[in-house]
Amino acid sequence: MRGFQLGLYDPARTAAPVVAELLGPFIPRDRPVRVIDVGGGHGAYSIALARRYPDLEAVVFDLPPVVGVAEGLIGRAGLAGRVRTWAGDFKVDSLGAVEFDLALLFGVLVSEDEAEIRRLLGKTFSALKPGGTVAVRGFFLEEDRTGPRDGVLFDLHMLVSTDRGRAHTLGEVFGWLGAAGFKEPGVLEAAEPEPVRLVVARRPA
C-alpha cells in the first residue's frame, strides 16, 4: 500500500499546484475554509491547497492503511497543523454534515458503479455547507465514448481489470451531480504545465 501511494504521489505533485490554482475562484478569502479530500490517498492535493491558501484547512479521508502514508507526507510538508487525516470508508461511513466548503473527488468515481457513485455524491452534498463546491477529477469521455484517446484507453483498462470501474462522459457526471442536488455544473481546464480537467458544481446557498 505504501509503495503504491508513493508511486501515485510523484505525478500528483506536478498536477496539484495546477489544481489549487484552478479552484481559486471557489475558495472564499474572507473566512477560514474547510476541505474534504475524499479518497485523497497520499494527500498531494490537500497539501497543495493548504500551501496556496493560508486560511484553508483540509481533511484527507481514506482507508486506514492509506491515511498512514498521507500522514507521513503531510508531516514532511510541514502542514500537520492544517492538513489532517480521517480514516474511514466512504461506502459505509458518513462524510459529515454541513461541515465543508469544498469537496474533492479525484480518481474516485472511475472505480465505482453507478449506484455507488450516486450514494457518494449524496453523501458529499450533505457534507458541504450551502454554497459549497464539489470538484471531480477523472477521465471524461466524449458523449459517443470514442475520445479523447487517453480516456478511451483508460476505459478499456478498467473494463478488463475491474468488475465495475470505467471512464464517464461529462453528460453522465453532470446528470449524477444534478440528481444529488448540485447546481451550476461546469468544467475547469488547464493545459500547462500539467493537463488538468475538473468538473465542478455547487450545493445551492
Protein backbone atom coordinates (compact mmCIF):
# COMPACT_ATOMS: atom_id res chain seq x y z
CA MET A 1 0.00 0.00 0.00
CA ARG A 2 2.77 2.45 0.90
CA GLY A 3 4.68 1.81 -2.32
CA PHE A 4 1.52 2.18 -4.41
CA GLN A 5 0.56 5.51 -2.83
CA LEU A 6 4.09 6.89 -3.09
CA GLY A 7 4.09 5.92 -6.76
CA LEU A 8 0.92 7.96 -7.26
CA TYR A 9 2.24 10.87 -5.21
CA ASP A 10 5.10 11.84 -7.50
CA PRO A 11 2.98 12.58 -10.61
CA ALA A 12 0.25 14.12 -8.45
CA ARG A 13 2.75 16.66 -7.08
CA THR A 14 3.03 18.13 -10.58
CA ALA A 15 -0.71 18.41 -11.12
CA ALA A 16 -1.62 19.51 -7.58
CA PRO A 17 -0.47 23.17 -7.83
CA VAL A 18 -2.39 23.49 -11.11
CA VAL A 19 -5.49 22.14 -9.39
CA ALA A 20 -5.03 24.55 -6.49
CA GLU A 21 -4.88 27.49 -8.90
CA LEU A 22 -7.93 26.34 -10.89
CA LEU A 23 -10.02 26.04 -7.74
CA GLY A 24 -9.14 29.56 -6.57
CA PRO A 25 -12.49 31.11 -7.59
CA PHE A 26 -14.32 28.57 -5.43
CA ILE A 27 -12.32 29.22 -2.25
CA PRO A 28 -13.55 32.06 -0.02
CA ARG A 29 -10.86 34.51 1.08
CA ASP A 30 -12.81 36.31 3.82
CA ARG A 31 -13.02 33.43 6.31
CA PRO A 32 -11.45 30.08 7.21
CA VAL A 33 -12.12 27.34 4.65
CA ARG A 34 -12.51 23.60 5.21
CA VAL A 35 -11.87 20.98 2.53
CA ILE A 36 -12.55 17.25 2.49
CA ASP A 37 -10.41 15.20 0.10
CA VAL A 38 -12.46 12.01 -0.33
CA GLY A 39 -10.31 9.02 -1.24
CA GLY A 40 -7.45 11.51 -1.03
CA GLY A 41 -4.76 8.84 -0.72
CA HIS A 42 -1.34 10.47 -0.49
CA GLY A 43 -2.79 13.92 0.23
CA ALA A 44 -0.92 15.78 -2.53
CA TYR A 45 -3.93 17.88 -3.50
CA SER A 46 -4.75 18.86 0.07
CA ILE A 47 -1.11 19.77 0.65
CA ALA A 48 -1.07 21.99 -2.45
CA LEU A 49 -4.30 23.74 -1.44
CA ALA A 50 -3.02 24.41 2.08
CA ARG A 51 0.24 25.80 0.72
CA ARG A 52 -1.55 28.18 -1.63
CA TYR A 53 -4.37 29.36 0.67
CA PRO A 54 -3.21 30.19 4.21
CA ASP A 55 -6.72 30.19 5.73
CA LEU A 56 -7.54 26.73 4.38
CA GLU A 57 -7.63 23.50 6.38
CA ALA A 58 -8.06 20.12 4.73
CA VAL A 59 -9.04 16.60 5.75
CA VAL A 60 -7.79 13.60 3.75
CA PHE A 61 -10.45 10.88 4.03
CA ASP A 62 -9.35 7.37 3.09
CA LEU A 63 -8.97 3.82 4.33
CA PRO A 64 -6.86 3.31 7.49
CA PRO A 65 -3.77 1.86 5.76
CA VAL A 66 -3.77 4.75 3.28
CA VAL A 67 -4.04 7.65 5.70
CA GLY A 68 -0.92 6.43 7.45
CA VAL A 69 1.02 7.15 4.25
CA ALA A 70 -0.65 10.55 3.91
CA GLU A 71 0.28 11.49 7.48
CA GLY A 72 3.96 10.99 6.73
CA LEU A 73 3.82 13.13 3.58
CA ILE A 74 1.79 15.83 5.32
CA GLY A 75 4.29 15.94 8.16
CA ARG A 76 7.18 16.14 5.72
CA ALA A 77 5.48 19.14 4.09
CA GLY A 78 5.25 20.87 7.48
CA LEU A 79 1.45 21.04 7.33
CA ALA A 80 0.38 18.67 10.09
CA GLY A 81 -1.42 21.52 11.83
CA ARG A 82 -3.61 22.34 8.83
CA VAL A 83 -3.99 19.08 6.92
CA ARG A 84 -5.17 16.12 8.92
CA THR A 85 -6.46 12.66 8.10
CA TRP A 86 -9.73 10.87 8.73
CA ALA A 87 -9.72 7.08 8.45
CA GLY A 88 -12.91 5.65 7.01
CA ASP A 89 -14.66 4.02 4.08
CA PHE A 90 -16.95 6.26 2.04
CA LYS A 91 -19.02 3.22 1.08
CA VAL A 92 -20.22 2.77 4.65
CA ASP A 93 -19.25 5.88 6.62
CA SER A 94 -20.70 9.38 6.71
CA LEU A 95 -18.62 12.28 5.41
CA GLY A 96 -20.12 14.64 7.97
CA ALA A 97 -22.97 17.12 7.74
CA VAL A 98 -22.72 20.75 6.55
CA GLU A 99 -19.04 20.91 7.52
CA PHE A 100 -17.03 21.68 4.39
CA ASP A 101 -16.66 24.44 1.81
CA LEU A 102 -15.03 22.25 -0.83
CA ALA A 103 -15.03 18.51 -1.51
CA LEU A 104 -12.52 16.79 -3.79
CA LEU A 105 -13.46 13.55 -5.55
CA PHE A 106 -10.30 12.84 -7.52
CA GLY A 107 -9.94 9.46 -9.21
CA VAL A 108 -12.81 8.10 -7.14
CA LEU A 109 -15.84 7.88 -9.43
CA VAL A 110 -13.92 5.90 -12.06
CA SER A 111 -13.57 2.99 -9.64
CA GLU A 112 -17.26 2.67 -8.73
CA ASP A 113 -20.51 1.58 -10.33
CA GLU A 114 -23.39 3.99 -10.88
CA ALA A 115 -25.26 3.07 -7.70
CA GLU A 116 -22.19 3.72 -5.54
CA ILE A 117 -21.46 6.96 -7.39
CA ARG A 118 -24.96 8.22 -6.67
CA ARG A 119 -24.63 7.30 -2.98
CA LEU A 120 -21.24 9.01 -2.72
CA LEU A 121 -22.47 12.21 -4.37
CA GLY A 122 -25.40 12.26 -1.97
CA LYS A 123 -23.04 11.97 1.00
CA THR A 124 -20.83 14.67 -0.48
CA PHE A 125 -23.79 17.01 -0.92
CA SER A 126 -24.71 16.50 2.75
CA ALA A 127 -21.13 17.15 3.88
CA LEU A 128 -20.93 20.53 2.14
CA LYS A 129 -22.12 23.83 3.52
CA PRO A 130 -24.73 25.69 1.44
CA GLY A 131 -22.83 27.34 -1.39
CA GLY A 132 -20.03 24.76 -1.14
CA THR A 133 -18.35 23.22 -4.17
CA VAL A 134 -17.60 19.67 -5.27
CA ALA A 135 -14.71 19.10 -7.68
CA VAL A 136 -14.40 15.83 -9.61
CA ARG A 137 -11.28 14.69 -11.44
CA GLY A 138 -11.19 11.65 -13.69
CA PHE A 139 -11.20 10.64 -17.34
CA PHE A 140 -14.12 12.33 -19.08
CA LEU A 141 -15.16 10.85 -22.40
CA GLU A 142 -16.95 12.45 -25.32
CA GLU A 143 -20.64 11.59 -25.43
CA ASP A 144 -20.10 8.91 -28.10
CA ARG A 145 -17.29 7.42 -25.97
CA THR A 146 -14.81 7.46 -28.88
CA GLY A 147 -12.42 10.07 -27.43
CA PRO A 148 -10.26 11.52 -26.12
CA ARG A 149 -7.66 8.81 -26.63
CA ASP A 150 -6.36 8.67 -23.04
CA GLY A 151 -9.90 8.38 -21.72
CA VAL A 152 -10.77 5.57 -24.13
CA LEU A 153 -7.60 3.66 -23.21
CA PHE A 154 -8.34 4.11 -19.51
CA ASP A 155 -11.91 2.92 -20.07
CA LEU A 156 -10.63 -0.24 -21.77
CA HIS A 157 -8.14 -0.82 -18.96
CA MET A 158 -10.89 -0.58 -16.34
CA LEU A 159 -13.14 -2.86 -18.38
CA VAL A 160 -10.61 -5.70 -18.41
CA SER A 161 -9.08 -5.20 -14.95
CA THR A 162 -12.08 -4.37 -12.73
CA ASP A 163 -15.64 -5.55 -12.34
CA ARG A 164 -17.24 -2.09 -12.21
CA GLY A 165 -14.84 0.79 -12.90
CA ARG A 166 -14.89 2.85 -16.09
CA ALA A 167 -14.46 6.32 -17.52
CA HIS A 168 -17.56 8.50 -17.79
CA THR A 169 -18.90 11.12 -20.15
CA LEU A 170 -19.42 14.69 -18.99
CA GLY A 171 -23.14 14.17 -19.54
CA GLU A 172 -23.16 11.24 -17.13
CA VAL A 173 -21.28 13.16 -14.44
CA PHE A 174 -23.43 16.28 -14.86
CA GLY A 175 -26.55 14.12 -14.60
CA TRP A 176 -25.42 12.42 -11.40
CA LEU A 177 -24.47 15.74 -9.85
CA GLY A 178 -27.87 17.19 -10.69
CA ALA A 179 -29.67 14.18 -9.26
CA ALA A 180 -27.75 14.65 -5.99
CA GLY A 181 -28.93 18.27 -5.78
CA PHE A 182 -25.89 20.10 -7.16
CA LYS A 183 -26.32 23.10 -9.45
CA GLU A 184 -24.20 25.05 -11.96
CA PRO A 185 -22.03 22.18 -13.24
CA GLY A 186 -19.05 23.25 -15.29
CA VAL A 187 -15.58 22.28 -16.47
CA LEU A 188 -12.24 23.79 -15.45
CA GLU A 189 -9.21 23.10 -17.64
CA ALA A 190 -5.50 23.85 -17.75
CA ALA A 191 -3.01 22.62 -20.34
CA GLU A 192 0.29 23.70 -18.78
CA PRO A 193 2.44 22.70 -17.01
CA GLU A 194 0.25 19.63 -16.47
CA PRO A 195 -3.02 18.89 -18.31
CA VAL A 196 -5.85 19.03 -15.78
CA ARG A 197 -9.61 18.79 -16.29
CA LEU A 198 -12.08 19.14 -13.43
CA VAL A 199 -15.86 19.06 -13.19
CA VAL A 200 -17.21 21.42 -10.55
CA ALA A 201 -20.71 22.04 -9.19
CA ARG A 202 -22.23 23.85 -6.22
CA ARG A 203 -24.58 22.99 -3.41
CA PRO A 204 -27.21 25.77 -3.59
CA ALA A 205 -26.79 28.51 -0.99
